[in-house]
Amino acid sequence: MAATATVEKAVNVLLKWRDSQSHLQNPQLLEEDEFLYLIVSLKKIPQNRVNPMKVPLPHPLIGPSTDSAELCMFIDDRPKSGITKDAASKKIMSENIPITKLIKLSKLKTDYQPFEAKRKLCDSYNMFFADKRIIPLLPRLLGKQFFKKKKIPVPVDLKHKNWKEQIEKACSSAMLFLGSGTCCVVKVAKLSLGKKEIVENVVAAINGIAEVVPSKWGSIRSFHLKLPESLALPVYQAMPDLCLKIVAADKADNPTPMEEKQQVEDEEDDASHQKMMKKKKNKGRIHEVQYMDDQENIDNSNSGADIKDEIKTDDIPTKKKKKTDMKVKDKKKKKKVAV
């Protein structure tokens, strides 16, 4: 969990940086409130979803307490919806619901087809709401501008009577949009609040996001705080998941008997493995062969007569010698018989 002291230091640094940059910027006719953003980095890519996750904040960014809050709501005026614009406006007026503009689905299809009309509509209001039954139809009707500026309409169940409760809960929450990546940005505080209120919002946002995302704190990699044009300051960083074996220096110098035995066995295994590799290498060796057509071998070799002299004829039995021995034996037998 992120410590409150760390968040306070990051907020103080960002506020000092903003004060130092204020005199360098050109003065604006209409002052706009700046926001503080929380960058959430996850370990894995989450499942993509269009509807945002609501993270409650102690000090709301928009709502009845803010003077310049402009809220717009899209209603379903199809015949089967059972809701008309007149009935919805009467309910808003009677219950003092903070909605400044109602737009019917049919008017959204006809009057806001051009890109310029969609861009102007996106910039005209701080937050958008819509009947949850028409949420699947809105991405095609609103265009990319609403998704780029994180102004996707928040679904509201208009069948129930607690319209005000649903809208005020959404206004007092930070909207977490889980996209197709591991990093997302959440608007958590505005600089018009006090320093203590900003810190409370940031801490509540960090703890709330960790409870909402899948696997909770196990899927959080880091949290960073930043202003629109400032650097991102880290306020939380998870430890790496690598399991490393750390051996102390004294233990490595003085191994135990079991470790010495294991070391000797490893060395013997390495030696036997090297011997096997050498045998395999020697098996396929090609020896030198002298061929008869090699001129040098012919010149240096002895003549055929010399080779015959070296070999004794008595040691080599031949077919002719065997035949003469048989004839001699036959003659001796005949002489004995004659006698």
C-alpha atoms as a PDB file:
ATOM      1  CA  MET A   1       0.000   0.000   0.000  1.00  0.00           C
ATOM      2  CA  ALA A   2       1.103   3.529  -0.746  1.00  0.00           C
ATOM      3  CA  ALA A   3       2.028   5.529   2.351  1.00  0.00           C
ATOM      4  CA  THR A   4       0.290   8.850   2.955  1.00  0.00           C
ATOM      5  CA  ALA A   5       3.648  10.550   3.589  1.00  0.00           C
ATOM      6  CA  THR A   6       4.869   9.536   0.121  1.00  0.00           C
ATOM      7  CA  VAL A   7       1.719  10.910  -1.468  1.00  0.00           C
ATOM      8  CA  GLU A   8       2.115  14.192   0.457  1.00  0.00           C
ATOM      9  CA  LYS A   9       5.679  14.628  -0.787  1.00  0.00           C
ATOM     10  CA  ALA A  10       4.635  13.997  -4.390  1.00  0.00           C
ATOM     11  CA  VAL A  11       1.717  16.458  -4.133  1.00  0.00           C
ATOM     12  CA  ASN A  12       3.965  19.148  -2.611  1.00  0.00           C
ATOM     13  CA  VAL A  13       6.525  18.770  -5.408  1.00  0.00           C
ATOM     14  CA  LEU A  14       3.858  18.976  -8.111  1.00  0.00           C
ATOM     15  CA  LEU A  15       2.246  22.062  -6.566  1.00  0.00           C
ATOM     16  CA  LYS A  16       5.618  23.821  -6.281  1.00  0.00           C
ATOM     17  CA  TRP A  17       6.366  22.995  -9.907  1.00  0.00           C
ATOM     18  CA  ARG A  18       2.986  24.378 -10.968  1.00  0.00           C
ATOM     19  CA  ASP A  19       3.613  27.641  -9.068  1.00  0.00           C
ATOM     20  CA  SER A  20       7.002  28.000 -10.758  1.00  0.00           C
ATOM     21  CA  GLN A  21       5.467  27.485 -14.187  1.00  0.00           C
ATOM     22  CA  SER A  22       2.466  29.768 -13.694  1.00  0.00           C
ATOM     23  CA  HIS A  23       4.344  33.013 -14.509  1.00  0.00           C
ATOM     24  CA  LEU A  24       5.708  31.507 -17.733  1.00  0.00           C
ATOM     25  CA  GLN A  25       2.265  30.721 -19.176  1.00  0.00           C
ATOM     26  CA  ASN A  26       0.075  33.221 -20.993  1.00  0.00           C
ATOM     27  CA  PRO A  27      -2.914  34.448 -18.926  1.00  0.00           C
ATOM     28  CA  GLN A  28      -6.281  33.048 -20.039  1.00  0.00           C
ATOM     29  CA  LEU A  29      -9.549  34.936 -20.226  1.00  0.00           C
ATOM     30  CA  LEU A  30     -11.490  32.109 -18.586  1.00  0.00           C
ATOM     31  CA  GLU A  31      -9.540  30.211 -15.969  1.00  0.00           C
ATOM     32  CA  GLU A  32      -9.980  26.464 -16.137  1.00  0.00           C
ATOM     33  CA  ASP A  33      -9.477  24.204 -13.169  1.00  0.00           C
ATOM     34  CA  GLU A  34      -6.498  21.855 -13.545  1.00  0.00           C
ATOM     35  CA  PHE A  35      -6.673  18.226 -12.519  1.00  0.00           C
ATOM     36  CA  LEU A  36      -4.274  15.804 -10.913  1.00  0.00           C
ATOM     37  CA  TYR A  37      -3.919  12.444 -12.635  1.00  0.00           C
ATOM     38  CA  LEU A  38      -3.014   9.025 -11.299  1.00  0.00           C
ATOM     39  CA  ILE A  39      -1.232   6.647 -13.693  1.00  0.00           C
ATOM     40  CA  VAL A  40      -2.013   3.010 -12.945  1.00  0.00           C
ATOM     41  CA  SER A  41       0.351   0.331 -14.267  1.00  0.00           C
ATOM     42  CA  LEU A  42      -0.768  -3.304 -14.155  1.00  0.00           C
ATOM     43  CA  LYS A  43       1.284  -6.498 -14.439  1.00  0.00           C
ATOM     44  CA  LYS A  44      -1.013  -8.116 -17.007  1.00  0.00           C
ATOM     45  CA  ILE A  45      -3.385  -6.820 -19.678  1.00  0.00           C
ATOM     46  CA  PRO A  46      -6.890  -6.902 -18.161  1.00  0.00           C
ATOM     47  CA  GLN A  47     -10.073  -7.830 -19.937  1.00  0.00           C
ATOM     48  CA  ASN A  48     -11.188  -4.880 -22.054  1.00  0.00           C
ATOM     49  CA  ARG A  49     -14.486  -3.269 -21.064  1.00  0.00           C
ATOM     50  CA  VAL A  50     -16.358  -0.207 -22.299  1.00  0.00           C
ATOM     51  CA  ASN A  51     -18.071   0.806 -19.062  1.00  0.00           C
ATOM     52  CA  PRO A  52     -15.807   2.482 -16.485  1.00  0.00           C
ATOM     53  CA  MET A  53     -15.235   1.236 -12.939  1.00  0.00           C
ATOM     54  CA  LYS A  54     -16.350   3.660 -10.213  1.00  0.00           C
ATOM     55  CA  VAL A  55     -13.833   4.419  -7.450  1.00  0.00           C
ATOM     56  CA  PRO A  56     -15.398   6.545  -4.635  1.00  0.00           C
ATOM     57  CA  LEU A  57     -13.619   9.780  -3.666  1.00  0.00           C
ATOM     58  CA  PRO A  58     -14.132  11.769  -0.428  1.00  0.00           C
ATOM     59  CA  HIS A  59     -14.150  15.071  -2.345  1.00  0.00           C
ATOM     60  CA  PRO A  60     -16.031  14.895  -5.688  1.00  0.00           C
ATOM     61  CA  LEU A  61     -14.563  16.475  -8.794  1.00  0.00           C
ATOM     62  CA  ILE A  62     -17.918  17.431 -10.324  1.00  0.00           C
ATOM     63  CA  GLY A  63     -21.443  17.616  -9.007  1.00  0.00           C
ATOM     64  CA  PRO A  64     -23.810  19.975  -7.214  1.00  0.00           C
ATOM     65  CA  SER A  65     -21.010  21.399  -5.079  1.00  0.00           C
ATOM     66  CA  THR A  66     -19.121  22.664  -8.134  1.00  0.00           C
ATOM     67  CA  ASP A  67     -20.399  25.846  -9.747  1.00  0.00           C
ATOM     68  CA  SER A  68     -19.434  25.108 -13.347  1.00  0.00           C
ATOM     69  CA  ALA A  69     -20.583  21.469 -13.539  1.00  0.00           C
ATOM     70  CA  GLU A  70     -22.364  20.721 -16.812  1.00  0.00           C
ATOM     71  CA  LEU A  71     -23.942  17.270 -17.007  1.00  0.00           C
ATOM     72  CA  CYS A  72     -25.696  15.778 -20.029  1.00  0.00           C
ATOM     73  CA  MET A  73     -27.846  12.659 -20.242  1.00  0.00           C
ATOM     74  CA  PHE A  74     -28.995  10.614 -23.268  1.00  0.00           C
ATOM     75  CA  ILE A  75     -32.432   9.015 -22.932  1.00  0.00           C
ATOM     76  CA  ASP A  76     -34.102   6.280 -24.923  1.00  0.00           C
ATOM     77  CA  ASP A  77     -37.154   7.693 -26.722  1.00  0.00           C
ATOM     78  CA  ARG A  78     -38.017   4.539 -28.647  1.00  0.00           C
ATOM     79  CA  PRO A  79     -41.667   3.397 -28.349  1.00  0.00           C
ATOM     80  CA  LYS A  80     -40.877   0.393 -26.127  1.00  0.00           C
ATOM     81  CA  SER A  81     -38.730   2.351 -23.664  1.00  0.00           C
ATOM     82  CA  GLY A  82     -41.682   3.895 -21.809  1.00  0.00           C
ATOM     83  CA  ILE A  83     -39.794   7.161 -21.131  1.00  0.00           C
ATOM     84  CA  THR A  84     -40.380  10.518 -22.796  1.00  0.00           C
ATOM     85  CA  LYS A  85     -38.341  13.676 -22.646  1.00  0.00           C
ATOM     86  CA  ASP A  86     -41.102  15.615 -20.896  1.00  0.00           C
ATOM     87  CA  ALA A  87     -41.483  12.989 -18.158  1.00  0.00           C
ATOM     88  CA  ALA A  88     -37.722  12.831 -17.643  1.00  0.00           C
ATOM     89  CA  SER A  89     -37.360  16.636 -17.405  1.00  0.00           C
ATOM     90  CA  LYS A  90     -40.213  16.842 -14.858  1.00  0.00           C
ATOM     91  CA  LYS A  91     -38.553  14.188 -12.695  1.00  0.00           C
ATOM     92  CA  ILE A  92     -35.217  16.033 -12.876  1.00  0.00           C
ATOM     93  CA  MET A  93     -36.807  19.316 -11.837  1.00  0.00           C
ATOM     94  CA  SER A  94     -38.863  17.834  -9.014  1.00  0.00           C
ATOM     95  CA  GLU A  95     -35.986  15.841  -7.444  1.00  0.00           C
ATOM     96  CA  ASN A  96     -33.327  18.510  -8.083  1.00  0.00           C
ATOM     97  CA  ILE A  97     -31.138  16.115 -10.086  1.00  0.00           C
ATOM     98  CA  PRO A  98     -27.945  17.870 -11.354  1.00  0.00           C
ATOM     99  CA  ILE A  99     -28.626  17.316 -15.084  1.00  0.00           C
ATOM    100  CA  THR A 100     -28.356  20.405 -17.320  1.00  0.00           C
ATOM    101  CA  LYS A 101     -29.174  18.844 -20.707  1.00  0.00           C
ATOM    102  CA  LEU A 102     -31.368  16.003 -21.985  1.00  0.00           C
ATOM    103  CA  ILE A 103     -30.788  14.620 -25.494  1.00  0.00           C
ATOM    104  CA  LYS A 104     -33.028  12.018 -27.083  1.00  0.00           C
ATOM    105  CA  LEU A 105     -31.587   9.069 -28.977  1.00  0.00           C
ATOM    106  CA  SER A 106     -33.422  10.063 -32.155  1.00  0.00           C
ATOM    107  CA  LYS A 107     -31.966  13.594 -32.009  1.00  0.00           C
ATOM    108  CA  LEU A 108     -28.488  12.186 -31.414  1.00  0.00           C
ATOM    109  CA  LYS A 109     -28.815  10.176 -34.625  1.00  0.00           C
ATOM    110  CA  THR A 110     -29.939  13.126 -36.767  1.00  0.00           C
ATOM    111  CA  ASP A 111     -28.421  16.354 -35.365  1.00  0.00           C
ATOM    112  CA  TYR A 112     -24.983  15.057 -34.344  1.00  0.00           C
ATOM    113  CA  GLN A 113     -23.844  13.180 -37.428  1.00  0.00           C
ATOM    114  CA  PRO A 114     -21.048  15.608 -38.529  1.00  0.00           C
ATOM    115  CA  PHE A 115     -17.687  15.303 -36.831  1.00  0.00           C
ATOM    116  CA  GLU A 116     -17.659  18.961 -35.798  1.00  0.00           C
ATOM    117  CA  ALA A 117     -21.027  18.571 -34.050  1.00  0.00           C
ATOM    118  CA  LYS A 118     -19.759  15.551 -32.110  1.00  0.00           C
ATOM    119  CA  ARG A 119     -16.575  17.367 -31.085  1.00  0.00           C
ATOM    120  CA  LYS A 120     -18.536  20.414 -29.919  1.00  0.00           C
ATOM    121  CA  LEU A 121     -20.913  18.213 -27.925  1.00  0.00           C
ATOM    122  CA  CYS A 122     -17.983  16.459 -26.238  1.00  0.00           C
ATOM    123  CA  ASP A 123     -16.380  19.765 -25.194  1.00  0.00           C
ATOM    124  CA  SER A 124     -19.626  21.345 -23.963  1.00  0.00           C
ATOM    125  CA  TYR A 125     -20.193  19.140 -20.907  1.00  0.00           C
ATOM    126  CA  ASN A 126     -18.092  17.809 -18.065  1.00  0.00           C
ATOM    127  CA  MET A 127     -19.739  14.422 -17.815  1.00  0.00           C
ATOM    128  CA  PHE A 128     -22.253  12.333 -19.754  1.00  0.00           C
ATOM    129  CA  PHE A 129     -24.877   9.820 -18.634  1.00  0.00           C
ATOM    130  CA  ALA A 130     -27.060   7.489 -20.670  1.00  0.00           C
ATOM    131  CA  ASP A 131     -29.828   4.959 -20.272  1.00  0.00           C
ATOM    132  CA  LYS A 132     -28.068   1.601 -19.969  1.00  0.00           C
ATOM    133  CA  ARG A 133     -30.335   0.152 -22.680  1.00  0.00           C
ATOM    134  CA  ILE A 134     -28.741   2.347 -25.370  1.00  0.00           C
ATOM    135  CA  ILE A 135     -25.103   1.998 -24.223  1.00  0.00           C
ATOM    136  CA  PRO A 136     -24.254  -0.519 -27.020  1.00  0.00           C
ATOM    137  CA  LEU A 137     -25.487   1.988 -29.649  1.00  0.00           C
ATOM    138  CA  LEU A 138     -23.444   4.973 -28.452  1.00  0.00           C
ATOM    139  CA  PRO A 139     -19.900   4.168 -29.666  1.00  0.00           C
ATOM    140  CA  ARG A 140     -21.034   4.353 -33.300  1.00  0.00           C
ATOM    141  CA  LEU A 141     -23.118   7.499 -32.723  1.00  0.00           C
ATOM    142  CA  LEU A 142     -20.630   9.477 -30.613  1.00  0.00           C
ATOM    143  CA  GLY A 143     -17.381   8.737 -32.433  1.00  0.00           C
ATOM    144  CA  LYS A 144     -13.743   8.566 -31.278  1.00  0.00           C
ATOM    145  CA  GLN A 145     -13.635  11.999 -29.643  1.00  0.00           C
ATOM    146  CA  PHE A 146     -15.544  10.818 -26.556  1.00  0.00           C
ATOM    147  CA  PHE A 147     -13.197   7.853 -26.090  1.00  0.00           C
ATOM    148  CA  LYS A 148     -10.025   9.933 -26.512  1.00  0.00           C
ATOM    149  CA  LYS A 149     -11.094  12.446 -23.849  1.00  0.00           C
ATOM    150  CA  LYS A 150     -12.420   9.757 -21.479  1.00  0.00           C
ATOM    151  CA  LYS A 151     -15.960  11.113 -21.619  1.00  0.00           C
ATOM    152  CA  ILE A 152     -17.749   7.861 -22.294  1.00  0.00           C
ATOM    153  CA  PRO A 153     -21.324   8.078 -20.946  1.00  0.00           C
ATOM    154  CA  VAL A 154     -21.888   6.414 -17.580  1.00  0.00           C
ATOM    155  CA  PRO A 155     -24.785   3.931 -17.685  1.00  0.00           C
ATOM    156  CA  VAL A 156     -27.835   4.733 -15.528  1.00  0.00           C
ATOM    157  CA  ASP A 157     -30.780   2.416 -14.907  1.00  0.00           C
ATOM    158  CA  LEU A 158     -33.743   4.709 -15.611  1.00  0.00           C
ATOM    159  CA  LYS A 159     -36.254   1.972 -14.756  1.00  0.00           C
ATOM    160  CA  HIS A 160     -35.491   2.531 -11.073  1.00  0.00           C
ATOM    161  CA  LYS A 161     -36.591   5.653  -9.254  1.00  0.00           C
ATOM    162  CA  ASN A 162     -33.219   6.457  -7.641  1.00  0.00           C
ATOM    163  CA  TRP A 163     -31.893   8.594 -10.523  1.00  0.00           C
ATOM    164  CA  LYS A 164     -30.369  11.171  -8.202  1.00  0.00           C
ATOM    165  CA  GLU A 165     -28.549   8.576  -6.117  1.00  0.00           C
ATOM    166  CA  GLN A 166     -26.996   6.920  -9.176  1.00  0.00           C
ATOM    167  CA  ILE A 167     -25.887  10.227 -10.709  1.00  0.00           C
ATOM    168  CA  GLU A 168     -24.428  11.644  -7.473  1.00  0.00           C
ATOM    169  CA  LYS A 169     -22.533   8.388  -6.852  1.00  0.00           C
ATOM    170  CA  ALA A 170     -20.985   8.598 -10.314  1.00  0.00           C
ATOM    171  CA  CYS A 171     -20.107  12.286  -9.848  1.00  0.00           C
ATOM    172  CA  SER A 172     -18.307  11.586  -6.583  1.00  0.00           C
ATOM    173  CA  SER A 173     -16.220   8.745  -8.056  1.00  0.00           C
ATOM    174  CA  ALA A 174     -13.097   8.490 -10.142  1.00  0.00           C
ATOM    175  CA  MET A 175     -13.665   6.691 -13.442  1.00  0.00           C
ATOM    176  CA  LEU A 176     -11.260   3.849 -14.186  1.00  0.00           C
ATOM    177  CA  PHE A 177     -11.286   2.798 -17.850  1.00  0.00           C
ATOM    178  CA  LEU A 178      -9.523  -0.521 -18.411  1.00  0.00           C
ATOM    179  CA  GLY A 179      -8.379  -0.488 -22.026  1.00  0.00           C
ATOM    180  CA  SER A 180      -6.347  -2.833 -24.185  1.00  0.00           C
ATOM    181  CA  GLY A 181      -3.027  -2.157 -22.390  1.00  0.00           C
ATOM    182  CA  THR A 182      -1.464  -2.382 -18.960  1.00  0.00           C
ATOM    183  CA  CYS A 183      -1.444   1.389 -18.317  1.00  0.00           C
ATOM    184  CA  CYS A 184      -4.430   3.677 -17.666  1.00  0.00           C
ATOM    185  CA  VAL A 185      -4.911   7.239 -16.409  1.00  0.00           C
ATOM    186  CA  VAL A 186      -7.459   8.296 -13.772  1.00  0.00           C
ATOM    187  CA  LYS A 187      -8.505  11.826 -12.850  1.00  0.00           C
ATOM    188  CA  VAL A 188      -8.360  11.886  -9.039  1.00  0.00           C
ATOM    189  CA  ALA A 189      -8.291  15.523  -7.833  1.00  0.00           C
ATOM    190  CA  LYS A 190      -8.526  19.141  -8.959  1.00  0.00           C
ATOM    191  CA  LEU A 191      -6.044  21.787  -7.901  1.00  0.00           C
ATOM    192  CA  SER A 192      -8.723  24.142  -6.578  1.00  0.00           C
ATOM    193  CA  LEU A 193      -9.071  21.801  -3.594  1.00  0.00           C
ATOM    194  CA  GLY A 194      -6.874  22.178  -0.544  1.00  0.00           C
ATOM    195  CA  LYS A 195      -3.633  20.276  -0.179  1.00  0.00           C
ATOM    196  CA  LYS A 196      -5.093  18.000   2.483  1.00  0.00           C
ATOM    197  CA  GLU A 197      -8.160  17.246   0.356  1.00  0.00           C
ATOM    198  CA  ILE A 198      -5.980  16.426  -2.649  1.00  0.00           C
ATOM    199  CA  VAL A 199      -3.939  13.963  -0.591  1.00  0.00           C
ATOM    200  CA  GLU A 200      -7.107  12.324   0.749  1.00  0.00           C
ATOM    201  CA  ASN A 201      -8.468  11.905  -2.770  1.00  0.00           C
ATOM    202  CA  VAL A 202      -5.229  10.380  -4.036  1.00  0.00           C
ATOM    203  CA  VAL A 203      -4.967   7.888  -1.166  1.00  0.00           C
ATOM    204  CA  ALA A 204      -8.649   6.927  -1.542  1.00  0.00           C
ATOM    205  CA  ALA A 205      -8.177   6.464  -5.298  1.00  0.00           C
ATOM    206  CA  ILE A 206      -5.121   4.241  -4.848  1.00  0.00           C
ATOM    207  CA  ASN A 207      -6.811   1.998  -2.291  1.00  0.00           C
ATOM    208  CA  GLY A 208     -10.076   1.926  -4.267  1.00  0.00           C
ATOM    209  CA  ILE A 209      -8.408   0.996  -7.553  1.00  0.00           C
ATOM    210  CA  ALA A 210      -6.469  -1.800  -5.855  1.00  0.00           C
ATOM    211  CA  GLU A 211      -9.768  -3.240  -4.610  1.00  0.00           C
ATOM    212  CA  VAL A 212     -11.565  -2.950  -7.966  1.00  0.00           C
ATOM    213  CA  VAL A 213      -9.028  -4.379 -10.441  1.00  0.00           C
ATOM    214  CA  PRO A 214      -8.733  -8.178 -10.888  1.00  0.00           C
ATOM    215  CA  SER A 215      -6.388  -9.888  -8.371  1.00  0.00           C
ATOM    216  CA  LYS A 216      -6.377  -6.603  -6.385  1.00  0.00           C
ATOM    217  CA  TRP A 217      -2.886  -5.634  -5.135  1.00  0.00           C
ATOM    218  CA  GLY A 218      -1.390  -8.681  -6.810  1.00  0.00           C
ATOM    219  CA  SER A 219      -1.971  -7.163 -10.261  1.00  0.00           C
ATOM    220  CA  ILE A 220      -0.704  -3.632  -9.433  1.00  0.00           C
ATOM    221  CA  ARG A 221       2.787  -2.812 -10.703  1.00  0.00           C
ATOM    222  CA  SER A 222       3.039   0.901  -9.863  1.00  0.00           C
ATOM    223  CA  PHE A 223       1.205   4.189  -9.209  1.00  0.00           C
ATOM    224  CA  HIS A 224       2.443   7.574 -10.467  1.00  0.00           C
ATOM    225  CA  LEU A 225       1.117  11.113  -9.925  1.00  0.00           C
ATOM    226  CA  LYS A 226       1.338  13.867 -12.509  1.00  0.00           C
ATOM    227  CA  LEU A 227      -0.092  17.103 -13.814  1.00  0.00           C
ATOM    228  CA  PRO A 228      -1.020  17.537 -17.505  1.00  0.00           C
ATOM    229  CA  GLU A 229       2.464  18.840 -18.441  1.00  0.00           C
ATOM    230  CA  SER A 230       4.667  17.599 -15.593  1.00  0.00           C
ATOM    231  CA  LEU A 231       6.766  14.523 -15.016  1.00  0.00           C
ATOM    232  CA  ALA A 232       5.198  11.496 -13.363  1.00  0.00           C
ATOM    233  CA  LEU A 233       6.292  11.016  -9.742  1.00  0.00           C
ATOM    234  CA  PRO A 234       6.200   7.447  -8.332  1.00  0.00           C
ATOM    235  CA  VAL A 235       4.178   6.874  -5.163  1.00  0.00           C
ATOM    236  CA  TYR A 236       4.043   3.053  -5.185  1.00  0.00           C
ATOM    237  CA  GLN A 237       6.201   0.352  -6.789  1.00  0.00           C
ATOM    238  CA  ALA A 238       5.640  -3.392  -6.443  1.00  0.00           C
ATOM    239  CA  MET A 239       8.535  -5.741  -5.806  1.00  0.00           C
ATOM    240  CA  PRO A 240       9.670  -7.888  -8.755  1.00  0.00           C
ATOM    241  CA  ASP A 241       8.328 -11.432  -8.989  1.00  0.00           C
ATOM    242  CA  LEU A 242      11.727 -13.051  -9.686  1.00  0.00           C
ATOM    243  CA  CYS A 243      12.737 -15.723  -7.175  1.00  0.00           C
ATOM    244  CA  LEU A 244      16.491 -15.225  -6.686  1.00  0.00           C
ATOM    245  CA  LYS A 245      18.678 -17.367  -4.397  1.00  0.00           C
ATOM    246  CA  ILE A 246      20.968 -15.131  -2.334  1.00  0.00           C
ATOM    247  CA  VAL A 247      24.031 -16.769  -0.730  1.00  0.00           C
ATOM    248  CA  ALA A 248      25.866 -14.979   2.064  1.00  0.00           C
ATOM    249  CA  ALA A 249      29.585 -14.270   1.611  1.00  0.00           C
ATOM    250  CA  ASP A 250      30.710 -16.137   4.730  1.00  0.00           C
ATOM    251  CA  LYS A 251      28.552 -19.125   3.819  1.00  0.00           C
ATOM    252  CA  ALA A 252      30.048 -19.282   0.338  1.00  0.00           C
ATOM    253  CA  ASP A 253      33.614 -19.232   1.745  1.00  0.00           C
ATOM    254  CA  ASN A 254      32.908 -21.894   4.393  1.00  0.00           C
ATOM    255  CA  PRO A 255      30.629 -24.528   2.856  1.00  0.00           C
ATOM    256  CA  THR A 256      29.040 -27.263   4.929  1.00  0.00           C
ATOM    257  CA  PRO A 257      30.031 -30.971   4.512  1.00  0.00           C
ATOM    258  CA  MET A 258      26.865 -31.654   2.546  1.00  0.00           C
ATOM    259  CA  GLU A 259      27.672 -28.787   0.180  1.00  0.00           C
ATOM    260  CA  GLU A 260      31.276 -30.069  -0.241  1.00  0.00           C
ATOM    261  CA  LYS A 261      29.980 -33.560  -1.059  1.00  0.00           C
ATOM    262  CA  GLN A 262      27.556 -32.164  -3.579  1.00  0.00           C
ATOM    263  CA  GLN A 263      30.347 -30.103  -5.140  1.00  0.00           C
ATOM    264  CA  VAL A 264      32.574 -33.195  -5.509  1.00  0.00           C
ATOM    265  CA  GLU A 265      29.734 -35.157  -7.111  1.00  0.00           C
ATOM    266  CA  ASP A 266      29.129 -32.357  -9.569  1.00  0.00           C
ATOM    267  CA  GLU A 267      32.817 -32.294 -10.516  1.00  0.00           C
ATOM    268  CA  GLU A 268      32.844 -36.083 -11.049  1.00  0.00           C
ATOM    269  CA  ASP A 269      29.777 -35.856 -13.241  1.00  0.00           C
ATOM    270  CA  ASP A 270      31.448 -33.150 -15.305  1.00  0.00           C
ATOM    271  CA  ALA A 271      34.600 -35.260 -15.713  1.00  0.00           C
ATOM    272  CA  SER A 272      32.651 -38.351 -16.812  1.00  0.00           C
ATOM    273  CA  HIS A 273      30.672 -36.258 -19.241  1.00  0.00           C
ATOM    274  CA  GLN A 274      33.881 -34.920 -20.798  1.00  0.00           C
ATOM    275  CA  LYS A 275      35.263 -38.476 -21.201  1.00  0.00           C
ATOM    276  CA  MET A 276      32.121 -39.597 -22.977  1.00  0.00           C
ATOM    277  CA  MET A 277      32.363 -36.640 -25.332  1.00  0.00           C
ATOM    278  CA  LYS A 278      35.986 -37.497 -26.160  1.00  0.00           C
ATOM    279  CA  LYS A 279      35.053 -41.134 -26.961  1.00  0.00           C
ATOM    280  CA  LYS A 280      32.300 -39.990 -29.253  1.00  0.00           C
ATOM    281  CA  LYS A 281      34.732 -37.710 -31.064  1.00  0.00           C
ATOM    282  CA  ASN A 282      37.338 -40.515 -31.553  1.00  0.00           C
ATOM    283  CA  LYS A 283      34.815 -42.991 -32.971  1.00  0.00           C
ATOM    284  CA  GLY A 284      34.375 -41.256 -36.281  1.00  0.00           C
ATOM    285  CA  ARG A 285      38.075 -40.439 -36.958  1.00  0.00           C
ATOM    286  CA  ILE A 286      39.415 -41.214 -40.471  1.00  0.00           C
ATOM    287  CA  HIS A 287      42.951 -42.715 -40.503  1.00  0.00           C
ATOM    288  CA  GLU A 288      45.568 -41.999 -43.136  1.00  0.00           C
ATOM    289  CA  VAL A 289      45.616 -44.500 -46.054  1.00  0.00           C
ATOM    290  CA  GLN A 290      48.403 -44.949 -48.566  1.00  0.00           C
ATOM    291  CA  TYR A 291      47.190 -45.534 -52.092  1.00  0.00           C
ATOM    292  CA  MET A 292      49.084 -47.451 -54.775  1.00  0.00           C
ATOM    293  CA  ASP A 293      48.884 -44.603 -57.235  1.00  0.00           C
ATOM    294  CA  ASP A 294      50.774 -42.278 -54.901  1.00  0.00           C
ATOM    295  CA  GLN A 295      54.138 -41.710 -56.614  1.00  0.00           C
ATOM    296  CA  GLU A 296      56.085 -41.098 -53.432  1.00  0.00           C
ATOM    297  CA  ASN A 297      54.885 -44.368 -51.856  1.00  0.00           C
ATOM    298  CA  ILE A 298      55.817 -46.310 -54.977  1.00  0.00           C
ATOM    299  CA  ASP A 299      59.335 -44.903 -55.034  1.00  0.00           C
ATOM    300  CA  ASN A 300      60.000 -45.523 -51.371  1.00  0.00           C
ATOM    301  CA  SER A 301      58.517 -49.046 -51.258  1.00  0.00           C
ATOM    302  CA  ASN A 302      60.581 -52.263 -51.776  1.00  0.00           C
ATOM    303  CA  SER A 303      60.396 -54.407 -54.903  1.00  0.00           C
ATOM    304  CA  GLY A 304      58.161 -57.454 -55.131  1.00  0.00           C
ATOM    305  CA  ALA A 305      61.152 -59.836 -55.016  1.00  0.00           C
ATOM    306  CA  ASP A 306      62.365 -58.474 -51.722  1.00  0.00           C
ATOM    307  CA  ILE A 307      58.937 -58.966 -50.189  1.00  0.00           C
ATOM    308  CA  LYS A 308      58.884 -62.639 -51.322  1.00  0.00           C
ATOM    309  CA  ASP A 309      62.249 -63.235 -49.700  1.00  0.00           C
ATOM    310  CA  GLU A 310      61.032 -62.012 -46.386  1.00  0.00           C
ATOM    311  CA  ILE A 311      58.106 -64.433 -46.327  1.00  0.00           C
ATOM    312  CA  LYS A 312      58.930 -68.123 -45.742  1.00  0.00           C
ATOM    313  CA  THR A 313      57.269 -70.517 -48.076  1.00  0.00           C
ATOM    314  CA  ASP A 314      57.098 -73.242 -45.413  1.00  0.00           C
ATOM    315  CA  ASP A 315      54.839 -71.135 -43.283  1.00  0.00           C
ATOM    316  CA  ILE A 316      52.240 -70.805 -46.014  1.00  0.00           C
ATOM    317  CA  PRO A 317      50.481 -74.098 -46.861  1.00  0.00           C
ATOM    318  CA  THR A 318      49.459 -74.344 -50.504  1.00  0.00           C
ATOM    319  CA  LYS A 319      47.208 -76.713 -52.463  1.00  0.00           C
ATOM    320  CA  LYS A 320      50.164 -78.189 -54.428  1.00  0.00           C
ATOM    321  CA  LYS A 321      52.076 -79.151 -51.278  1.00  0.00           C
ATOM    322  CA  LYS A 322      49.034 -80.892 -49.864  1.00  0.00           C
ATOM    323  CA  LYS A 323      48.588 -82.958 -53.022  1.00  0.00           C
ATOM    324  CA  THR A 324      52.242 -84.182 -53.059  1.00  0.00           C
ATOM    325  CA  ASP A 325      51.985 -85.274 -49.432  1.00  0.00           C
ATOM    326  CA  MET A 326      48.889 -87.332 -50.222  1.00  0.00           C
ATOM    327  CA  LYS A 327      50.637 -89.086 -53.162  1.00  0.00           C
ATOM    328  CA  VAL A 328      53.623 -90.064 -50.997  1.00  0.00           C
ATOM    329  CA  LYS A 329      51.377 -91.604 -48.396  1.00  0.00           C
ATOM    330  CA  ASP A 330      49.480 -93.610 -51.036  1.00  0.00           C
ATOM    331  CA  LYS A 331      52.725 -95.073 -52.451  1.00  0.00           C
ATOM    332  CA  LYS A 332      53.890 -96.220 -49.005  1.00  0.00           C
ATOM    333  CA  LYS A 333      50.569 -97.965 -48.386  1.00  0.00           C
ATOM    334  CA  LYS A 334      50.805 -99.837 -51.715  1.00  0.00           C
ATOM    335  CA  LYS A 335      54.341-101.107 -50.933  1.00  0.00           C
ATOM    336  CA  LYS A 336      53.257-102.459 -47.561  1.00  0.00           C
ATOM    337  CA  VAL A 337      50.321-104.301 -49.159  1.00  0.00           C
ATOM    338  CA  ALA A 338      52.609-105.840 -51.825  1.00  0.00           C
ATOM    339  CA  VAL A 339      54.986-107.221 -49.243  1.00  0.00           C
END
